[in-house]
N, C-alpha and C. Protein backbone atom coordinates (compact mmCIF):
# COMPACT_ATOMS: atom_id res chain seq x y z
N MET A 1 41.02 133.65 115.47
CA MET A 1 41.50 132.32 115.82
C MET A 1 40.45 131.29 115.39
N THR A 2 40.90 130.19 114.91
CA THR A 2 39.98 129.15 114.45
C THR A 2 39.93 128.01 115.44
N ASN A 3 38.87 127.28 115.36
CA ASN A 3 38.67 126.11 116.21
C ASN A 3 39.20 124.90 115.45
N GLY A 4 40.13 124.16 116.03
CA GLY A 4 40.72 122.99 115.38
C GLY A 4 39.69 121.97 114.97
N ARG A 5 38.71 121.74 115.81
CA ARG A 5 37.66 120.77 115.49
C ARG A 5 36.86 121.22 114.28
N ALA A 6 36.49 122.49 114.24
CA ALA A 6 35.73 123.01 113.11
C ALA A 6 36.54 122.94 111.83
N ASP A 7 37.84 123.22 111.93
CA ASP A 7 38.71 123.14 110.76
C ASP A 7 38.76 121.71 110.22
N ARG A 8 38.88 120.74 111.11
CA ARG A 8 38.92 119.33 110.67
C ARG A 8 37.58 118.93 110.06
N ALA A 9 36.49 119.38 110.67
CA ALA A 9 35.17 119.03 110.14
C ALA A 9 34.97 119.64 108.76
N ALA A 10 35.43 120.86 108.56
CA ALA A 10 35.25 121.55 107.28
C ALA A 10 35.90 120.80 106.13
N GLU A 11 37.02 120.16 106.37
CA GLU A 11 37.69 119.45 105.28
C GLU A 11 36.91 118.24 104.79
N PHE A 12 35.93 117.78 105.58
CA PHE A 12 35.12 116.63 105.18
C PHE A 12 33.74 117.03 104.68
N GLN A 13 33.44 118.31 104.67
CA GLN A 13 32.14 118.76 104.22
C GLN A 13 32.05 118.75 102.70
N ARG A 14 30.82 118.63 102.20
CA ARG A 14 30.52 118.69 100.78
C ARG A 14 31.18 117.56 99.97
N ARG A 15 31.33 116.40 100.61
CA ARG A 15 31.89 115.24 99.92
C ARG A 15 30.86 114.15 99.68
N GLY A 16 29.62 114.39 100.07
CA GLY A 16 28.56 113.43 99.80
C GLY A 16 28.48 112.27 100.76
N VAL A 17 29.18 112.35 101.88
CA VAL A 17 29.16 111.23 102.83
C VAL A 17 27.76 111.00 103.41
N PRO A 18 27.06 112.03 103.89
CA PRO A 18 25.71 111.78 104.42
C PRO A 18 24.77 111.18 103.36
N SER A 19 24.85 111.68 102.14
CA SER A 19 24.00 111.14 101.08
C SER A 19 24.32 109.67 100.81
N ALA A 20 25.60 109.34 100.81
CA ALA A 20 26.00 107.94 100.58
C ALA A 20 25.52 107.04 101.70
N LEU A 21 25.60 107.50 102.93
CA LEU A 21 25.11 106.72 104.07
C LEU A 21 23.61 106.50 103.97
N MET A 22 22.87 107.57 103.65
CA MET A 22 21.43 107.44 103.51
C MET A 22 21.08 106.50 102.37
N ASP A 23 21.82 106.55 101.27
CA ASP A 23 21.58 105.66 100.14
C ASP A 23 21.74 104.20 100.55
N ASP A 24 22.79 103.90 101.31
CA ASP A 24 23.00 102.53 101.78
C ASP A 24 21.84 102.07 102.67
N ILE A 25 21.43 102.91 103.56
CA ILE A 25 20.32 102.57 104.46
C ILE A 25 19.04 102.35 103.67
N GLU A 26 18.77 103.24 102.72
CA GLU A 26 17.55 103.13 101.93
C GLU A 26 17.54 101.85 101.09
N ARG A 27 18.68 101.50 100.50
CA ARG A 27 18.73 100.27 99.70
C ARG A 27 18.52 99.04 100.58
N ALA A 28 19.07 99.06 101.77
CA ALA A 28 18.93 97.91 102.68
C ALA A 28 17.51 97.75 103.21
N HIS A 29 16.73 98.83 103.16
CA HIS A 29 15.37 98.82 103.72
C HIS A 29 14.37 99.36 102.72
N ALA A 30 14.55 99.04 101.45
CA ALA A 30 13.72 99.60 100.39
C ALA A 30 12.25 99.27 100.54
N ASP A 31 11.93 98.18 101.21
CA ASP A 31 10.53 97.76 101.35
C ASP A 31 9.89 98.23 102.65
N GLN A 32 10.56 99.13 103.36
CA GLN A 32 10.06 99.58 104.66
C GLN A 32 9.93 101.10 104.70
N ARG A 33 9.04 101.56 105.57
CA ARG A 33 9.00 103.00 105.84
C ARG A 33 10.21 103.34 106.70
N LEU A 34 10.86 104.44 106.37
CA LEU A 34 12.00 104.89 107.16
C LEU A 34 11.66 106.20 107.83
N PHE A 35 11.91 106.27 109.13
CA PHE A 35 11.71 107.51 109.87
C PHE A 35 13.07 108.02 110.33
N VAL A 36 13.25 109.32 110.20
CA VAL A 36 14.49 109.99 110.59
C VAL A 36 14.10 111.23 111.36
N SER A 37 14.90 111.58 112.37
CA SER A 37 14.63 112.82 113.08
C SER A 37 15.89 113.66 113.19
N THR A 38 15.66 114.95 113.31
CA THR A 38 16.76 115.90 113.49
C THR A 38 16.20 117.14 114.18
N ASN A 39 17.08 117.90 114.78
CA ASN A 39 16.64 119.14 115.41
C ASN A 39 16.27 120.16 114.34
N GLU A 40 15.34 121.02 114.67
CA GLU A 40 14.94 122.08 113.76
C GLU A 40 16.14 122.94 113.35
N SER A 41 17.08 123.11 114.25
CA SER A 41 18.25 123.95 113.98
C SER A 41 19.25 123.31 113.02
N ASN A 42 19.09 122.01 112.72
CA ASN A 42 20.04 121.31 111.86
C ASN A 42 19.62 121.46 110.39
N THR A 43 19.83 122.65 109.87
CA THR A 43 19.42 122.97 108.50
C THR A 43 20.06 122.06 107.46
N PRO A 44 21.35 121.74 107.55
CA PRO A 44 21.93 120.85 106.53
C PRO A 44 21.23 119.48 106.47
N MET A 45 20.88 118.91 107.60
CA MET A 45 20.21 117.61 107.60
C MET A 45 18.80 117.74 107.07
N ARG A 46 18.10 118.80 107.46
CA ARG A 46 16.74 119.01 106.94
C ARG A 46 16.77 119.17 105.43
N ASP A 47 17.74 119.92 104.92
CA ASP A 47 17.87 120.11 103.47
C ASP A 47 18.16 118.79 102.77
N LEU A 48 19.03 117.96 103.36
CA LEU A 48 19.36 116.66 102.78
C LEU A 48 18.12 115.78 102.71
N LEU A 49 17.39 115.71 103.81
CA LEU A 49 16.20 114.86 103.84
C LEU A 49 15.17 115.31 102.81
N THR A 50 14.99 116.60 102.67
CA THR A 50 14.07 117.13 101.66
C THR A 50 14.55 116.76 100.26
N ALA A 51 15.83 116.92 100.00
CA ALA A 51 16.40 116.59 98.69
C ALA A 51 16.26 115.10 98.36
N LEU A 52 16.28 114.26 99.40
CA LEU A 52 16.17 112.82 99.20
C LEU A 52 14.72 112.35 99.14
N GLY A 53 13.78 113.26 99.26
CA GLY A 53 12.37 112.91 99.13
C GLY A 53 11.66 112.54 100.41
N TYR A 54 12.27 112.82 101.55
CA TYR A 54 11.60 112.55 102.83
C TYR A 54 10.55 113.63 103.07
N ALA A 55 9.43 113.24 103.65
CA ALA A 55 8.34 114.16 103.94
C ALA A 55 8.25 114.40 105.44
N PRO A 56 7.87 115.62 105.84
CA PRO A 56 7.67 115.88 107.26
C PRO A 56 6.64 114.93 107.83
N ALA A 57 6.90 114.41 109.04
CA ALA A 57 5.99 113.43 109.65
C ALA A 57 5.56 113.81 111.06
N GLY A 58 6.13 114.86 111.60
CA GLY A 58 5.74 115.26 112.95
C GLY A 58 6.85 116.00 113.67
N GLN A 59 6.54 116.34 114.90
CA GLN A 59 7.46 117.14 115.70
C GLN A 59 7.27 116.81 117.17
N VAL A 60 8.36 116.80 117.91
CA VAL A 60 8.31 116.63 119.36
C VAL A 60 8.97 117.85 119.98
N ASP A 61 8.23 118.52 120.82
CA ASP A 61 8.76 119.70 121.51
C ASP A 61 9.36 119.31 122.86
N ARG A 62 10.20 120.16 123.36
CA ARG A 62 10.77 120.08 124.69
C ARG A 62 11.83 118.99 124.89
N LEU A 63 12.30 118.35 123.82
CA LEU A 63 13.45 117.44 123.98
C LEU A 63 14.70 118.25 124.20
N ASP A 64 14.89 119.24 123.35
CA ASP A 64 15.96 120.23 123.51
C ASP A 64 15.28 121.58 123.61
N PRO A 65 15.47 122.29 124.71
CA PRO A 65 14.76 123.56 124.90
C PRO A 65 14.92 124.49 123.70
N GLY A 66 13.80 124.91 123.15
CA GLY A 66 13.80 125.87 122.06
C GLY A 66 14.23 125.32 120.72
N ASP A 67 14.39 124.00 120.59
CA ASP A 67 14.85 123.40 119.33
C ASP A 67 14.10 122.10 119.10
N PRO A 68 12.89 122.17 118.55
CA PRO A 68 12.06 120.97 118.38
C PRO A 68 12.73 119.88 117.56
N GLU A 69 12.39 118.66 117.86
CA GLU A 69 12.85 117.50 117.09
C GLU A 69 11.83 117.29 115.96
N LEU A 70 12.31 117.33 114.73
CA LEU A 70 11.45 117.16 113.57
C LEU A 70 11.62 115.75 113.02
N PHE A 71 10.52 115.10 112.70
CA PHE A 71 10.55 113.74 112.16
C PHE A 71 10.16 113.77 110.68
N PHE A 72 10.82 112.91 109.92
CA PHE A 72 10.60 112.79 108.48
C PHE A 72 10.40 111.32 108.15
N VAL A 73 9.67 111.05 107.06
CA VAL A 73 9.40 109.67 106.65
C VAL A 73 9.69 109.52 105.16
N ARG A 74 10.17 108.34 104.80
CA ARG A 74 10.31 107.93 103.40
C ARG A 74 9.49 106.66 103.26
N LEU A 75 8.56 106.69 102.33
CA LEU A 75 7.71 105.52 102.11
C LEU A 75 8.43 104.48 101.28
N PRO A 76 8.00 103.22 101.39
CA PRO A 76 8.68 102.15 100.64
C PRO A 76 8.66 102.40 99.14
N ALA A 77 9.72 101.93 98.48
CA ALA A 77 9.78 102.01 97.02
C ALA A 77 8.73 101.08 96.44
N ARG A 78 8.17 101.45 95.35
CA ARG A 78 7.13 100.61 94.72
C ARG A 78 7.65 100.00 93.46
């Protein structure tokens, strides 16, 4: 049996929406450092941030038990 919510979410995957959203944000703030965080368990977001050139910037433990919050930074465009 499938989960209706997961089925609906799957139809929107791999369409570049997160990349497009990040691109809009980056263009609007090209002269600023951008910080983004995600849970360690969120592999798709971590992969996206790495692909977009974000660098690891730190970690906060104990926000979600057993799933650290990872922070990433993008430096201003030069």
